[in-house]
Amino acid sequence: MAQSMAEQLQQDMECEGLLECIHGLKQLDKDCFRAVVESDEPLTIDEIADDVDRERSTAYRSIQRLLQSGFIQKEQINYEQGGYYHVYRPTDPDQIASDMQRKLNDWYAKMGQLIQEFENKYDAPEDIAVADS
């Protein structure tokens, strides 16, 4: 179940909490991201699945979420005799941080707009009541 903003602010958070908070990623997604980041070389899906002790298809779904969120990048490696496979590497942390800052700014602007709408909606009945007095 999603936590309220008040609940999130009261708990101790680590920087990895941003993966969940801003992008809605799950624990497995964070584990897969950590595996990719901690590796000296780009990893295949099979290697990531082994690192997180999950089935290949489960790791693949997590990797797809990380790709969509921009946390990792996919590279195609071609075999000389034909065919290919993909490897995954982390996105530059500066790029990730910049993207998260942009999302946070967008969220902040949207919340400001909603707060203004709330104020406009619920401020009006008081004005009418005062005018009737």
C-alpha atoms as a PDB file:
ATOM      1  CA  MET A   1       0.000   0.000   0.000  1.00  0.00           C
ATOM      2  CA  ALA A   2       1.305   3.452  -0.875  1.00  0.00           C
ATOM      3  CA  GLN A   3       2.441   5.644   1.983  1.00  0.00           C
ATOM      4  CA  SER A   4       1.222   9.196   2.405  1.00  0.00           C
ATOM      5  CA  MET A   5       3.692  12.038   2.010  1.00  0.00           C
ATOM      6  CA  ALA A   6       3.460  12.706   5.763  1.00  0.00           C
ATOM      7  CA  GLU A   7       4.387   9.071   6.494  1.00  0.00           C
ATOM      8  CA  GLN A   8       7.311   9.199   4.070  1.00  0.00           C
ATOM      9  CA  LEU A   9       8.645  12.391   5.655  1.00  0.00           C
ATOM     10  CA  GLN A  10       8.537  10.849   9.136  1.00  0.00           C
ATOM     11  CA  GLN A  11      10.582   7.780   8.254  1.00  0.00           C
ATOM     12  CA  ASP A  12      14.307   7.561   7.741  1.00  0.00           C
ATOM     13  CA  MET A  13      15.014   7.380   4.016  1.00  0.00           C
ATOM     14  CA  GLU A  14      18.113   6.500   2.083  1.00  0.00           C
ATOM     15  CA  CYS A  15      18.918   7.767  -1.386  1.00  0.00           C
ATOM     16  CA  GLU A  16      17.730   4.443  -2.862  1.00  0.00           C
ATOM     17  CA  GLY A  17      14.292   5.335  -1.502  1.00  0.00           C
ATOM     18  CA  LEU A  18      14.045   7.795  -4.370  1.00  0.00           C
ATOM     19  CA  LEU A  19      13.755   4.854  -6.751  1.00  0.00           C
ATOM     20  CA  GLU A  20      10.549   3.849  -5.015  1.00  0.00           C
ATOM     21  CA  CYS A  21       9.266   7.309  -4.142  1.00  0.00           C
ATOM     22  CA  ILE A  22       9.745   9.040  -7.494  1.00  0.00           C
ATOM     23  CA  HIS A  23       9.513   6.113  -9.902  1.00  0.00           C
ATOM     24  CA  GLY A  24       7.387   3.594  -8.007  1.00  0.00           C
ATOM     25  CA  LEU A  25      10.012   0.879  -8.329  1.00  0.00           C
ATOM     26  CA  LYS A  26       9.801  -2.280  -6.236  1.00  0.00           C
ATOM     27  CA  GLN A  27      12.397  -4.008  -4.057  1.00  0.00           C
ATOM     28  CA  LEU A  28      13.308  -6.387  -6.877  1.00  0.00           C
ATOM     29  CA  ASP A  29      13.849  -3.406  -9.184  1.00  0.00           C
ATOM     30  CA  LYS A  30      16.201  -1.884  -6.619  1.00  0.00           C
ATOM     31  CA  ASP A  31      18.033  -5.218  -6.277  1.00  0.00           C
ATOM     32  CA  CYS A  32      18.455  -5.485 -10.054  1.00  0.00           C
ATOM     33  CA  PHE A  33      19.643  -1.873 -10.242  1.00  0.00           C
ATOM     34  CA  ARG A  34      22.184  -2.535  -7.487  1.00  0.00           C
ATOM     35  CA  ALA A  35      23.453  -5.627  -9.371  1.00  0.00           C
ATOM     36  CA  VAL A  36      23.971  -3.594 -12.540  1.00  0.00           C
ATOM     37  CA  VAL A  37      25.643  -0.712 -10.688  1.00  0.00           C
ATOM     38  CA  GLU A  38      27.968  -2.923  -8.653  1.00  0.00           C
ATOM     39  CA  SER A  39      29.192  -4.876 -11.682  1.00  0.00           C
ATOM     40  CA  ASP A  40      32.443  -3.856 -13.345  1.00  0.00           C
ATOM     41  CA  GLU A  41      31.060  -4.958 -16.713  1.00  0.00           C
ATOM     42  CA  PRO A  42      27.644  -4.692 -18.388  1.00  0.00           C
ATOM     43  CA  LEU A  43      25.419  -7.642 -17.455  1.00  0.00           C
ATOM     44  CA  THR A  44      23.070  -9.894 -19.405  1.00  0.00           C
ATOM     45  CA  ILE A  45      19.581 -10.715 -18.156  1.00  0.00           C
ATOM     46  CA  ASP A  46      20.800 -14.173 -17.145  1.00  0.00           C
ATOM     47  CA  GLU A  47      23.614 -12.680 -15.057  1.00  0.00           C
ATOM     48  CA  ILE A  48      21.231 -10.228 -13.393  1.00  0.00           C
ATOM     49  CA  ALA A  49      18.736 -13.030 -12.666  1.00  0.00           C
ATOM     50  CA  ASP A  50      21.531 -15.053 -11.048  1.00  0.00           C
ATOM     51  CA  ASP A  51      22.648 -12.052  -8.967  1.00  0.00           C
ATOM     52  CA  VAL A  52      19.151 -11.449  -7.582  1.00  0.00           C
ATOM     53  CA  ASP A  53      18.283 -15.162  -7.369  1.00  0.00           C
ATOM     54  CA  ARG A  54      15.155 -14.898  -9.526  1.00  0.00           C
ATOM     55  CA  GLU A  55      13.851 -16.465 -12.711  1.00  0.00           C
ATOM     56  CA  ARG A  56      15.003 -14.901 -15.967  1.00  0.00           C
ATOM     57  CA  SER A  57      11.484 -13.702 -16.867  1.00  0.00           C
ATOM     58  CA  THR A  58      11.046 -12.038 -13.461  1.00  0.00           C
ATOM     59  CA  ALA A  59      14.388 -10.254 -13.752  1.00  0.00           C
ATOM     60  CA  TYR A  60      13.520  -9.234 -17.332  1.00  0.00           C
ATOM     61  CA  ARG A  61      10.309  -7.485 -16.184  1.00  0.00           C
ATOM     62  CA  SER A  62      12.267  -5.628 -13.528  1.00  0.00           C
ATOM     63  CA  ILE A  63      14.914  -4.605 -16.049  1.00  0.00           C
ATOM     64  CA  GLN A  64      12.163  -3.298 -18.349  1.00  0.00           C
ATOM     65  CA  ARG A  65      10.889  -1.059 -15.515  1.00  0.00           C
ATOM     66  CA  LEU A  66      14.438   0.208 -14.932  1.00  0.00           C
ATOM     67  CA  LEU A  67      14.851   0.926 -18.649  1.00  0.00           C
ATOM     68  CA  GLN A  68      11.547   2.819 -18.778  1.00  0.00           C
ATOM     69  CA  SER A  69      12.577   4.830 -15.725  1.00  0.00           C
ATOM     70  CA  GLY A  70      15.918   5.699 -17.317  1.00  0.00           C
ATOM     71  CA  PHE A  71      18.072   4.088 -14.618  1.00  0.00           C
ATOM     72  CA  ILE A  72      19.829   1.678 -16.933  1.00  0.00           C
ATOM     73  CA  GLN A  73      20.727   1.475 -20.612  1.00  0.00           C
ATOM     74  CA  LYS A  74      20.564  -1.448 -23.002  1.00  0.00           C
ATOM     75  CA  GLU A  75      23.285  -2.244 -25.525  1.00  0.00           C
ATOM     76  CA  GLN A  76      23.136  -4.805 -28.302  1.00  0.00           C
ATOM     77  CA  ILE A  77      26.197  -7.038 -28.750  1.00  0.00           C
ATOM     78  CA  ASN A  78      26.456  -8.795 -32.127  1.00  0.00           C
ATOM     79  CA  TYR A  79      28.000 -12.232 -32.566  1.00  0.00           C
ATOM     80  CA  GLU A  80      30.471 -12.548 -35.464  1.00  0.00           C
ATOM     81  CA  GLN A  81      28.611 -15.580 -36.821  1.00  0.00           C
ATOM     82  CA  GLY A  82      25.259 -13.762 -36.612  1.00  0.00           C
ATOM     83  CA  GLY A  83      22.750 -13.128 -33.878  1.00  0.00           C
ATOM     84  CA  TYR A  84      23.007 -10.847 -30.892  1.00  0.00           C
ATOM     85  CA  TYR A  85      22.329 -10.428 -27.203  1.00  0.00           C
ATOM     86  CA  HIS A  86      21.760  -7.466 -24.904  1.00  0.00           C
ATOM     87  CA  VAL A  87      23.732  -6.216 -21.950  1.00  0.00           C
ATOM     88  CA  TYR A  88      22.699  -3.617 -19.408  1.00  0.00           C
ATOM     89  CA  ARG A  89      24.706  -0.850 -17.773  1.00  0.00           C
ATOM     90  CA  PRO A  90      23.743   1.919 -15.367  1.00  0.00           C
ATOM     91  CA  THR A  91      22.860   5.356 -16.670  1.00  0.00           C
ATOM     92  CA  ASP A  92      25.174   8.173 -15.603  1.00  0.00           C
ATOM     93  CA  PRO A  93      24.195   9.180 -12.025  1.00  0.00           C
ATOM     94  CA  ASP A  94      24.214  12.886 -12.967  1.00  0.00           C
ATOM     95  CA  GLN A  95      21.644  12.208 -15.681  1.00  0.00           C
ATOM     96  CA  ILE A  96      19.481  10.190 -13.266  1.00  0.00           C
ATOM     97  CA  ALA A  97      19.699  12.930 -10.619  1.00  0.00           C
ATOM     98  CA  SER A  98      18.794  15.598 -13.174  1.00  0.00           C
ATOM     99  CA  ASP A  99      15.777  13.577 -14.302  1.00  0.00           C
ATOM    100  CA  MET A 100      14.620  13.043 -10.715  1.00  0.00           C
ATOM    101  CA  GLN A 101      15.015  16.774  -9.995  1.00  0.00           C
ATOM    102  CA  ARG A 102      12.893  17.583 -13.054  1.00  0.00           C
ATOM    103  CA  LYS A 103      10.206  15.120 -11.936  1.00  0.00           C
ATOM    104  CA  LEU A 104      10.278  16.588  -8.433  1.00  0.00           C
ATOM    105  CA  ASN A 105       9.906  20.125  -9.820  1.00  0.00           C
ATOM    106  CA  ASP A 106       6.980  18.984 -12.002  1.00  0.00           C
ATOM    107  CA  TRP A 107       5.373  17.303  -8.977  1.00  0.00           C
ATOM    108  CA  TYR A 108       5.889  20.391  -6.836  1.00  0.00           C
ATOM    109  CA  ALA A 109       4.264  22.617  -9.481  1.00  0.00           C
ATOM    110  CA  LYS A 110       1.313  20.209  -9.791  1.00  0.00           C
ATOM    111  CA  MET A 111       0.842  20.074  -6.004  1.00  0.00           C
ATOM    112  CA  GLY A 112       0.925  23.886  -5.863  1.00  0.00           C
ATOM    113  CA  GLN A 113      -1.777  24.006  -8.521  1.00  0.00           C
ATOM    114  CA  LEU A 114      -3.919  21.456  -6.645  1.00  0.00           C
ATOM    115  CA  ILE A 115      -3.504  23.356  -3.370  1.00  0.00           C
ATOM    116  CA  GLN A 116      -4.655  26.532  -5.119  1.00  0.00           C
ATOM    117  CA  GLU A 117      -7.668  24.678  -6.560  1.00  0.00           C
ATOM    118  CA  PHE A 118      -8.470  23.341  -3.086  1.00  0.00           C
ATOM    119  CA  GLU A 119      -8.237  26.819  -1.605  1.00  0.00           C
ATOM    120  CA  ASN A 120     -10.446  28.288  -4.349  1.00  0.00           C
ATOM    121  CA  LYS A 121     -13.034  25.538  -4.016  1.00  0.00           C
ATOM    122  CA  TYR A 122     -13.376  25.594  -0.240  1.00  0.00           C
ATOM    123  CA  ASP A 123     -12.772  29.296   0.355  1.00  0.00           C
ATOM    124  CA  ALA A 124     -15.886  30.364  -1.604  1.00  0.00           C
ATOM    125  CA  PRO A 125     -18.583  29.115   0.849  1.00  0.00           C
ATOM    126  CA  GLU A 126     -17.095  31.240   3.649  1.00  0.00           C
ATOM    127  CA  ASP A 127     -17.167  34.330   1.426  1.00  0.00           C
ATOM    128  CA  ILE A 128     -20.860  33.705   0.659  1.00  0.00           C
ATOM    129  CA  ALA A 129     -21.689  33.157   4.341  1.00  0.00           C
ATOM    130  CA  VAL A 130     -19.935  36.424   5.323  1.00  0.00           C
ATOM    131  CA  ALA A 131     -21.752  38.348   2.557  1.00  0.00           C
ATOM    132  CA  ASP A 132     -25.164  37.066   3.807  1.00  0.00           C
ATOM    133  CA  SER A 133     -24.500  38.359   7.342  1.00  0.00           C
END
